[in-house]
Amino acid sequence: MIRRDYILRMIEEFIQALARIHSLKKSQHWQEAAVKMDAEFDRLVGAGAEAVAKLSETELLARLIRGESTLVVRDKTLMLSALLKEAGDLAATKGTLEESRLCYLKGLHLVLQTLARGEVFEFPEFVPKVEVFVAALGDSPLPLETHALLMQHYEQTGQFAKAEDAFFAMIDLDPVNPAIVQFGMAFYERLQTQSDASLDGGNLPRPEVEAGLAELRQRNLALSAQ
């Protein structure tokens, strides 16, 4: 009970801080918004926004985990992802586009990794949706890891055409990597077990699944022969 009260209080305080950041940004008090955001970053991971942008996701998670239970770590991870979106937006207004991109990427990865665990829980409203991060990144080139995480997410949520798009983005980045080709074959083989209704609902009808699998099998044979 004490642990639950602690989590609820932590979330409530964070939502209030986020609302304050939004208010400052809306009134274009950028410096005050940055100071408030740095304070929240420091409270979560012991570093300000600029330092957080330079830390790896592994380093960020290591800071979140210290002395906390699994539930608290999950909620803090989602808070961190929301703060990274705010930091990305603020960096974009200042024209520091690479810092903005790094913040968006880290925030997206944290959300996708949390969702990938398959835990059943109510997703907090303060957490930006996956598509919000994707839209914020725009035409910015995404790393292979990001496409793989997006592919997994889209498959899990029945958005099969988007999962296929993420996979082909991986192929474009590394067209002669047999591991990626086999990864795609496994994807199509899983889709073969789906009903026609599910495939149609995911905008990837069965004939397209069969054609995609056939193409990858041929590519795999060609790579094996090299």
C-alpha atoms as a PDB file:
ATOM      1  CA  MET A   1       0.000   0.000   0.000  1.00  0.00           C
ATOM      2  CA  ILE A   2       2.823   2.389   0.900  1.00  0.00           C
ATOM      3  CA  ARG A   3       4.597   1.538  -2.378  1.00  0.00           C
ATOM      4  CA  ARG A   4       1.396   2.177  -4.362  1.00  0.00           C
ATOM      5  CA  ASP A   5       0.877   5.529  -2.640  1.00  0.00           C
ATOM      6  CA  TYR A   6       4.477   6.428  -3.442  1.00  0.00           C
ATOM      7  CA  ILE A   7       3.962   5.656  -7.149  1.00  0.00           C
ATOM      8  CA  LEU A   8       0.696   7.611  -7.342  1.00  0.00           C
ATOM      9  CA  ARG A   9       2.236  10.610  -5.609  1.00  0.00           C
ATOM     10  CA  MET A  10       5.278  10.453  -7.894  1.00  0.00           C
ATOM     11  CA  ILE A  11       3.051  10.381 -11.001  1.00  0.00           C
ATOM     12  CA  GLU A  12       0.845  13.193  -9.720  1.00  0.00           C
ATOM     13  CA  GLU A  13       3.864  15.411  -9.026  1.00  0.00           C
ATOM     14  CA  PHE A  14       5.276  14.630 -12.465  1.00  0.00           C
ATOM     15  CA  ILE A  15       1.998  15.482 -14.222  1.00  0.00           C
ATOM     16  CA  GLN A  16       1.946  18.822 -12.404  1.00  0.00           C
ATOM     17  CA  ALA A  17       5.541  19.512 -13.464  1.00  0.00           C
ATOM     18  CA  LEU A  18       4.740  18.549 -17.061  1.00  0.00           C
ATOM     19  CA  ALA A  19       1.743  20.894 -17.070  1.00  0.00           C
ATOM     20  CA  ARG A  20       3.997  23.699 -15.833  1.00  0.00           C
ATOM     21  CA  ILE A  21       6.513  22.998 -18.610  1.00  0.00           C
ATOM     22  CA  HIS A  22       3.706  23.053 -21.197  1.00  0.00           C
ATOM     23  CA  SER A  23       2.436  26.360 -19.808  1.00  0.00           C
ATOM     24  CA  LEU A  24       5.889  27.948 -19.973  1.00  0.00           C
ATOM     25  CA  LYS A  25       6.418  26.722 -23.528  1.00  0.00           C
ATOM     26  CA  LYS A  26       3.000  27.977 -24.612  1.00  0.00           C
ATOM     27  CA  SER A  27       3.850  31.453 -23.303  1.00  0.00           C
ATOM     28  CA  GLN A  28       7.288  31.151 -24.985  1.00  0.00           C
ATOM     29  CA  HIS A  29       9.201  31.372 -21.717  1.00  0.00           C
ATOM     30  CA  TRP A  30      11.797  29.018 -23.146  1.00  0.00           C
ATOM     31  CA  GLN A  31      14.510  29.549 -20.543  1.00  0.00           C
ATOM     32  CA  GLU A  32      12.141  28.975 -17.622  1.00  0.00           C
ATOM     33  CA  ALA A  33      10.797  25.867 -19.356  1.00  0.00           C
ATOM     34  CA  ALA A  34      14.358  24.584 -19.791  1.00  0.00           C
ATOM     35  CA  VAL A  35      15.157  25.175 -16.113  1.00  0.00           C
ATOM     36  CA  LYS A  36      12.003  23.348 -15.005  1.00  0.00           C
ATOM     37  CA  MET A  37      12.734  20.492 -17.397  1.00  0.00           C
ATOM     38  CA  ASP A  38      16.312  20.184 -16.148  1.00  0.00           C
ATOM     39  CA  ALA A  39      14.983  19.943 -12.590  1.00  0.00           C
ATOM     40  CA  GLU A  40      12.699  17.053 -13.583  1.00  0.00           C
ATOM     41  CA  PHE A  41      15.484  15.274 -15.462  1.00  0.00           C
ATOM     42  CA  ASP A  42      17.726  15.685 -12.425  1.00  0.00           C
ATOM     43  CA  ARG A  43      15.015  14.283 -10.160  1.00  0.00           C
ATOM     44  CA  LEU A  44      14.635  11.204 -12.358  1.00  0.00           C
ATOM     45  CA  VAL A  45      18.195  10.415 -13.451  1.00  0.00           C
ATOM     46  CA  GLY A  46      20.472  12.892 -11.694  1.00  0.00           C
ATOM     47  CA  ALA A  47      21.431  14.878 -14.791  1.00  0.00           C
ATOM     48  CA  GLY A  48      20.088  17.770 -16.867  1.00  0.00           C
ATOM     49  CA  ALA A  49      18.634  17.625 -20.377  1.00  0.00           C
ATOM     50  CA  GLU A  50      21.921  18.269 -22.194  1.00  0.00           C
ATOM     51  CA  ALA A  51      23.715  15.513 -20.274  1.00  0.00           C
ATOM     52  CA  VAL A  52      20.775  13.114 -20.718  1.00  0.00           C
ATOM     53  CA  ALA A  53      20.897  13.597 -24.504  1.00  0.00           C
ATOM     54  CA  LYS A  54      24.496  12.309 -24.430  1.00  0.00           C
ATOM     55  CA  LEU A  55      23.837   9.284 -22.201  1.00  0.00           C
ATOM     56  CA  SER A  56      23.062   5.923 -23.787  1.00  0.00           C
ATOM     57  CA  GLU A  57      19.731   4.258 -23.084  1.00  0.00           C
ATOM     58  CA  THR A  58      21.552   1.621 -21.042  1.00  0.00           C
ATOM     59  CA  GLU A  59      23.094   4.338 -18.884  1.00  0.00           C
ATOM     60  CA  LEU A  60      19.731   6.056 -18.463  1.00  0.00           C
ATOM     61  CA  LEU A  61      18.017   2.824 -17.430  1.00  0.00           C
ATOM     62  CA  ALA A  62      20.831   2.040 -14.995  1.00  0.00           C
ATOM     63  CA  ARG A  63      20.148   5.365 -13.291  1.00  0.00           C
ATOM     64  CA  LEU A  64      16.403   4.695 -13.166  1.00  0.00           C
ATOM     65  CA  ILE A  65      16.821   1.214 -11.697  1.00  0.00           C
ATOM     66  CA  ARG A  66      18.874   2.202  -8.649  1.00  0.00           C
ATOM     67  CA  GLY A  67      17.012   1.078  -5.528  1.00  0.00           C
ATOM     68  CA  GLU A  68      13.601   0.942  -7.227  1.00  0.00           C
ATOM     69  CA  SER A  69      11.006  -1.802  -7.744  1.00  0.00           C
ATOM     70  CA  THR A  70       9.995  -3.011 -11.212  1.00  0.00           C
ATOM     71  CA  LEU A  71       6.745  -1.017 -11.212  1.00  0.00           C
ATOM     72  CA  VAL A  72       8.485   2.185 -10.196  1.00  0.00           C
ATOM     73  CA  VAL A  73      11.145   1.704 -12.872  1.00  0.00           C
ATOM     74  CA  ARG A  74       8.458   1.252 -15.546  1.00  0.00           C
ATOM     75  CA  ASP A  75       6.643   4.424 -14.513  1.00  0.00           C
ATOM     76  CA  LYS A  76       9.887   6.374 -14.269  1.00  0.00           C
ATOM     77  CA  THR A  77      10.881   5.114 -17.726  1.00  0.00           C
ATOM     78  CA  LEU A  78       7.639   6.434 -19.178  1.00  0.00           C
ATOM     79  CA  MET A  79       8.120   9.747 -17.367  1.00  0.00           C
ATOM     80  CA  LEU A  80      11.604   9.971 -18.839  1.00  0.00           C
ATOM     81  CA  SER A  81      10.252   9.321 -22.331  1.00  0.00           C
ATOM     82  CA  ALA A  82       7.734  12.170 -21.893  1.00  0.00           C
ATOM     83  CA  LEU A  83      10.488  14.512 -20.705  1.00  0.00           C
ATOM     84  CA  LEU A  84      12.671  13.533 -23.665  1.00  0.00           C
ATOM     85  CA  LYS A  85       9.840  14.512 -26.019  1.00  0.00           C
ATOM     86  CA  GLU A  86       9.624  17.907 -24.300  1.00  0.00           C
ATOM     87  CA  ALA A  87      13.410  18.301 -24.473  1.00  0.00           C
ATOM     88  CA  GLY A  88      13.351  17.389 -28.174  1.00  0.00           C
ATOM     89  CA  ASP A  89      10.685  20.004 -28.845  1.00  0.00           C
ATOM     90  CA  LEU A  90      12.619  22.650 -26.938  1.00  0.00           C
ATOM     91  CA  ALA A  91      15.872  21.810 -28.729  1.00  0.00           C
ATOM     92  CA  ALA A  92      14.046  22.083 -32.065  1.00  0.00           C
ATOM     93  CA  THR A  93      12.857  25.609 -31.226  1.00  0.00           C
ATOM     94  CA  LYS A  94      16.481  26.556 -30.524  1.00  0.00           C
ATOM     95  CA  GLY A  95      17.625  25.075 -33.834  1.00  0.00           C
ATOM     96  CA  THR A  96      19.815  22.404 -32.207  1.00  0.00           C
ATOM     97  CA  LEU A  97      18.391  19.727 -34.454  1.00  0.00           C
ATOM     98  CA  GLU A  98      20.834  16.906 -33.657  1.00  0.00           C
ATOM     99  CA  GLU A  99      20.128  17.262 -29.934  1.00  0.00           C
ATOM    100  CA  SER A 100      16.415  17.298 -30.739  1.00  0.00           C
ATOM    101  CA  ARG A 101      16.745  14.125 -32.824  1.00  0.00           C
ATOM    102  CA  LEU A 102      18.677  12.324 -30.082  1.00  0.00           C
ATOM    103  CA  CYS A 103      16.026  13.210 -27.499  1.00  0.00           C
ATOM    104  CA  TYR A 104      13.206  11.987 -29.752  1.00  0.00           C
ATOM    105  CA  LEU A 105      15.055   8.749 -30.552  1.00  0.00           C
ATOM    106  CA  LYS A 106      15.774   7.977 -26.897  1.00  0.00           C
ATOM    107  CA  GLY A 107      12.198   8.747 -25.917  1.00  0.00           C
ATOM    108  CA  LEU A 108      10.840   6.548 -28.710  1.00  0.00           C
ATOM    109  CA  HIS A 109      13.133   3.658 -27.797  1.00  0.00           C
ATOM    110  CA  LEU A 110      12.114   3.814 -24.123  1.00  0.00           C
ATOM    111  CA  VAL A 111       8.420   3.683 -25.038  1.00  0.00           C
ATOM    112  CA  LEU A 112       8.912   0.852 -27.539  1.00  0.00           C
ATOM    113  CA  GLN A 113      11.037  -1.188 -25.125  1.00  0.00           C
ATOM    114  CA  THR A 114       8.431  -0.777 -22.390  1.00  0.00           C
ATOM    115  CA  LEU A 115       5.638  -1.880 -24.735  1.00  0.00           C
ATOM    116  CA  ALA A 116       7.713  -4.816 -26.004  1.00  0.00           C
ATOM    117  CA  ARG A 117       7.705  -6.396 -22.540  1.00  0.00           C
ATOM    118  CA  GLY A 118       4.067  -7.285 -23.091  1.00  0.00           C
ATOM    119  CA  GLU A 119       2.953  -6.241 -19.619  1.00  0.00           C
ATOM    120  CA  VAL A 120      -0.753  -5.529 -19.192  1.00  0.00           C
ATOM    121  CA  PHE A 121      -1.162  -2.037 -17.767  1.00  0.00           C
ATOM    122  CA  GLU A 122      -2.982   1.191 -18.493  1.00  0.00           C
ATOM    123  CA  PHE A 123      -0.727   3.436 -20.540  1.00  0.00           C
ATOM    124  CA  PRO A 124      -0.550   6.855 -18.828  1.00  0.00           C
ATOM    125  CA  GLU A 125      -2.015   9.749 -20.810  1.00  0.00           C
ATOM    126  CA  PHE A 126       1.097  11.865 -20.259  1.00  0.00           C
ATOM    127  CA  VAL A 127       3.233   9.500 -22.338  1.00  0.00           C
ATOM    128  CA  PRO A 128       3.540  10.501 -26.024  1.00  0.00           C
ATOM    129  CA  LYS A 129       2.263   7.847 -28.413  1.00  0.00           C
ATOM    130  CA  VAL A 130       4.687   6.017 -30.690  1.00  0.00           C
ATOM    131  CA  GLU A 131       3.336   7.866 -33.724  1.00  0.00           C
ATOM    132  CA  VAL A 132       3.954  11.215 -32.015  1.00  0.00           C
ATOM    133  CA  PHE A 133       7.657  10.397 -31.744  1.00  0.00           C
ATOM    134  CA  VAL A 134       7.755   9.054 -35.312  1.00  0.00           C
ATOM    135  CA  ALA A 135       6.120  12.243 -36.606  1.00  0.00           C
ATOM    136  CA  ALA A 136       8.531  14.389 -34.588  1.00  0.00           C
ATOM    137  CA  LEU A 137      11.489  12.576 -36.172  1.00  0.00           C
ATOM    138  CA  GLY A 138      10.032  13.323 -39.612  1.00  0.00           C
ATOM    139  CA  ASP A 139      12.373  12.444 -42.456  1.00  0.00           C
ATOM    140  CA  SER A 140      15.348  12.034 -40.126  1.00  0.00           C
ATOM    141  CA  PRO A 141      17.152   8.748 -40.909  1.00  0.00           C
ATOM    142  CA  LEU A 142      16.475   6.125 -38.261  1.00  0.00           C
ATOM    143  CA  PRO A 143      18.999   3.546 -36.996  1.00  0.00           C
ATOM    144  CA  LEU A 144      18.528  -0.146 -37.696  1.00  0.00           C
ATOM    145  CA  GLU A 145      17.594  -0.733 -34.037  1.00  0.00           C
ATOM    146  CA  THR A 146      14.751   1.794 -34.244  1.00  0.00           C
ATOM    147  CA  HIS A 147      13.250   0.147 -37.309  1.00  0.00           C
ATOM    148  CA  ALA A 148      13.490  -3.254 -35.598  1.00  0.00           C
ATOM    149  CA  LEU A 149      11.698  -1.951 -32.493  1.00  0.00           C
ATOM    150  CA  LEU A 150       9.025  -0.287 -34.629  1.00  0.00           C
ATOM    151  CA  MET A 151       8.557  -3.471 -36.627  1.00  0.00           C
ATOM    152  CA  GLN A 152       8.036  -5.479 -33.436  1.00  0.00           C
ATOM    153  CA  HIS A 153       5.576  -2.912 -32.087  1.00  0.00           C
ATOM    154  CA  TYR A 154       3.548  -2.737 -35.281  1.00  0.00           C
ATOM    155  CA  GLU A 155       3.353  -6.512 -35.509  1.00  0.00           C
ATOM    156  CA  GLN A 156       2.238  -6.793 -31.875  1.00  0.00           C
ATOM    157  CA  THR A 157      -0.496  -4.221 -32.460  1.00  0.00           C
ATOM    158  CA  GLY A 158      -1.746  -5.755 -35.717  1.00  0.00           C
ATOM    159  CA  GLN A 159      -0.405  -2.980 -37.952  1.00  0.00           C
ATOM    160  CA  PHE A 160       1.148  -5.451 -40.346  1.00  0.00           C
ATOM    161  CA  ALA A 161       1.698  -3.124 -43.333  1.00  0.00           C
ATOM    162  CA  LYS A 162       3.585  -0.687 -41.104  1.00  0.00           C
ATOM    163  CA  ALA A 163       5.626  -3.591 -39.728  1.00  0.00           C
ATOM    164  CA  GLU A 164       6.502  -4.571 -43.278  1.00  0.00           C
ATOM    165  CA  ASP A 165       7.515  -0.978 -44.079  1.00  0.00           C
ATOM    166  CA  ALA A 166       9.809  -0.963 -41.024  1.00  0.00           C
ATOM    167  CA  PHE A 167      11.345  -4.240 -42.164  1.00  0.00           C
ATOM    168  CA  PHE A 168      12.066  -2.972 -45.678  1.00  0.00           C
ATOM    169  CA  ALA A 169      13.672   0.108 -44.148  1.00  0.00           C
ATOM    170  CA  MET A 170      16.033  -2.326 -42.398  1.00  0.00           C
ATOM    171  CA  ILE A 171      16.730  -4.060 -45.721  1.00  0.00           C
ATOM    172  CA  ASP A 172      17.495  -0.703 -47.324  1.00  0.00           C
ATOM    173  CA  LEU A 173      20.061   0.025 -44.601  1.00  0.00           C
ATOM    174  CA  ASP A 174      21.812  -3.348 -44.897  1.00  0.00           C
ATOM    175  CA  PRO A 175      20.648  -5.193 -48.050  1.00  0.00           C
ATOM    176  CA  VAL A 176      23.191  -8.042 -47.934  1.00  0.00           C
ATOM    177  CA  ASN A 177      22.844  -8.975 -44.273  1.00  0.00           C
ATOM    178  CA  PRO A 178      21.504 -12.575 -44.168  1.00  0.00           C
ATOM    179  CA  ALA A 179      20.387 -12.180 -40.542  1.00  0.00           C
ATOM    180  CA  ILE A 180      18.008  -9.367 -41.528  1.00  0.00           C
ATOM    181  CA  VAL A 181      16.632 -11.413 -44.425  1.00  0.00           C
ATOM    182  CA  GLN A 182      16.006 -14.366 -42.088  1.00  0.00           C
ATOM    183  CA  PHE A 183      14.424 -11.983 -39.577  1.00  0.00           C
ATOM    184  CA  GLY A 184      11.999 -10.911 -42.307  1.00  0.00           C
ATOM    185  CA  MET A 185      11.265 -14.495 -43.330  1.00  0.00           C
ATOM    186  CA  ALA A 186      10.333 -15.318 -39.749  1.00  0.00           C
ATOM    187  CA  PHE A 187       8.042 -12.262 -39.730  1.00  0.00           C
ATOM    188  CA  TYR A 188       6.162 -13.412 -42.833  1.00  0.00           C
ATOM    189  CA  GLU A 189       5.983 -16.982 -41.530  1.00  0.00           C
ATOM    190  CA  ARG A 190       4.323 -15.686 -38.338  1.00  0.00           C
ATOM    191  CA  LEU A 191       1.869 -13.715 -40.436  1.00  0.00           C
ATOM    192  CA  GLN A 192       0.940 -16.882 -42.333  1.00  0.00           C
ATOM    193  CA  THR A 193      -0.645 -18.146 -39.099  1.00  0.00           C
ATOM    194  CA  GLN A 194      -2.916 -15.094 -38.878  1.00  0.00           C
ATOM    195  CA  SER A 195      -6.495 -15.203 -40.158  1.00  0.00           C
ATOM    196  CA  ASP A 196      -7.389 -13.497 -43.421  1.00  0.00           C
ATOM    197  CA  ALA A 197      -9.496 -11.024 -41.452  1.00  0.00           C
ATOM    198  CA  SER A 198      -6.531 -10.076 -39.244  1.00  0.00           C
ATOM    199  CA  LEU A 199      -4.238  -9.646 -42.242  1.00  0.00           C
ATOM    200  CA  ASP A 200      -6.803  -7.534 -44.077  1.00  0.00           C
ATOM    201  CA  GLY A 201      -7.305  -5.469 -40.922  1.00  0.00           C
ATOM    202  CA  GLY A 202      -3.543  -4.887 -40.790  1.00  0.00           C
ATOM    203  CA  ASN A 203      -3.554  -3.772 -44.464  1.00  0.00           C
ATOM    204  CA  LEU A 204      -1.384  -6.682 -45.542  1.00  0.00           C
ATOM    205  CA  PRO A 205      -3.582  -9.265 -47.344  1.00  0.00           C
ATOM    206  CA  ARG A 206      -2.422 -12.867 -47.548  1.00  0.00           C
ATOM    207  CA  PRO A 207      -1.266 -12.677 -51.212  1.00  0.00           C
ATOM    208  CA  GLU A 208       1.119  -9.869 -50.226  1.00  0.00           C
ATOM    209  CA  VAL A 209       2.407 -11.930 -47.302  1.00  0.00           C
ATOM    210  CA  GLU A 210       3.042 -14.903 -49.595  1.00  0.00           C
ATOM    211  CA  ALA A 211       4.745 -12.677 -52.186  1.00  0.00           C
ATOM    212  CA  GLY A 212       6.948 -11.069 -49.537  1.00  0.00           C
ATOM    213  CA  LEU A 213       8.002 -14.424 -48.138  1.00  0.00           C
ATOM    214  CA  ALA A 214       8.771 -15.788 -51.609  1.00  0.00           C
ATOM    215  CA  GLU A 215      10.923 -12.747 -52.408  1.00  0.00           C
ATOM    216  CA  LEU A 216      12.917 -13.116 -49.190  1.00  0.00           C
ATOM    217  CA  ARG A 217      13.423 -16.846 -49.717  1.00  0.00           C
ATOM    218  CA  GLN A 218      14.936 -16.105 -53.123  1.00  0.00           C
ATOM    219  CA  ARG A 219      17.109 -13.355 -51.639  1.00  0.00           C
ATOM    220  CA  ASN A 220      18.239 -15.731 -48.898  1.00  0.00           C
ATOM    221  CA  LEU A 221      19.226 -18.377 -51.455  1.00  0.00           C
ATOM    222  CA  ALA A 222      21.175 -15.801 -53.442  1.00  0.00           C
ATOM    223  CA  LEU A 223      23.049 -14.628 -50.356  1.00  0.00           C
ATOM    224  CA  SER A 224      23.800 -18.218 -49.325  1.00  0.00           C
ATOM    225  CA  ALA A 225      25.290 -18.889 -52.751  1.00  0.00           C
ATOM    226  CA  GLN A 226      27.733 -15.983 -52.501  1.00  0.00           C
END
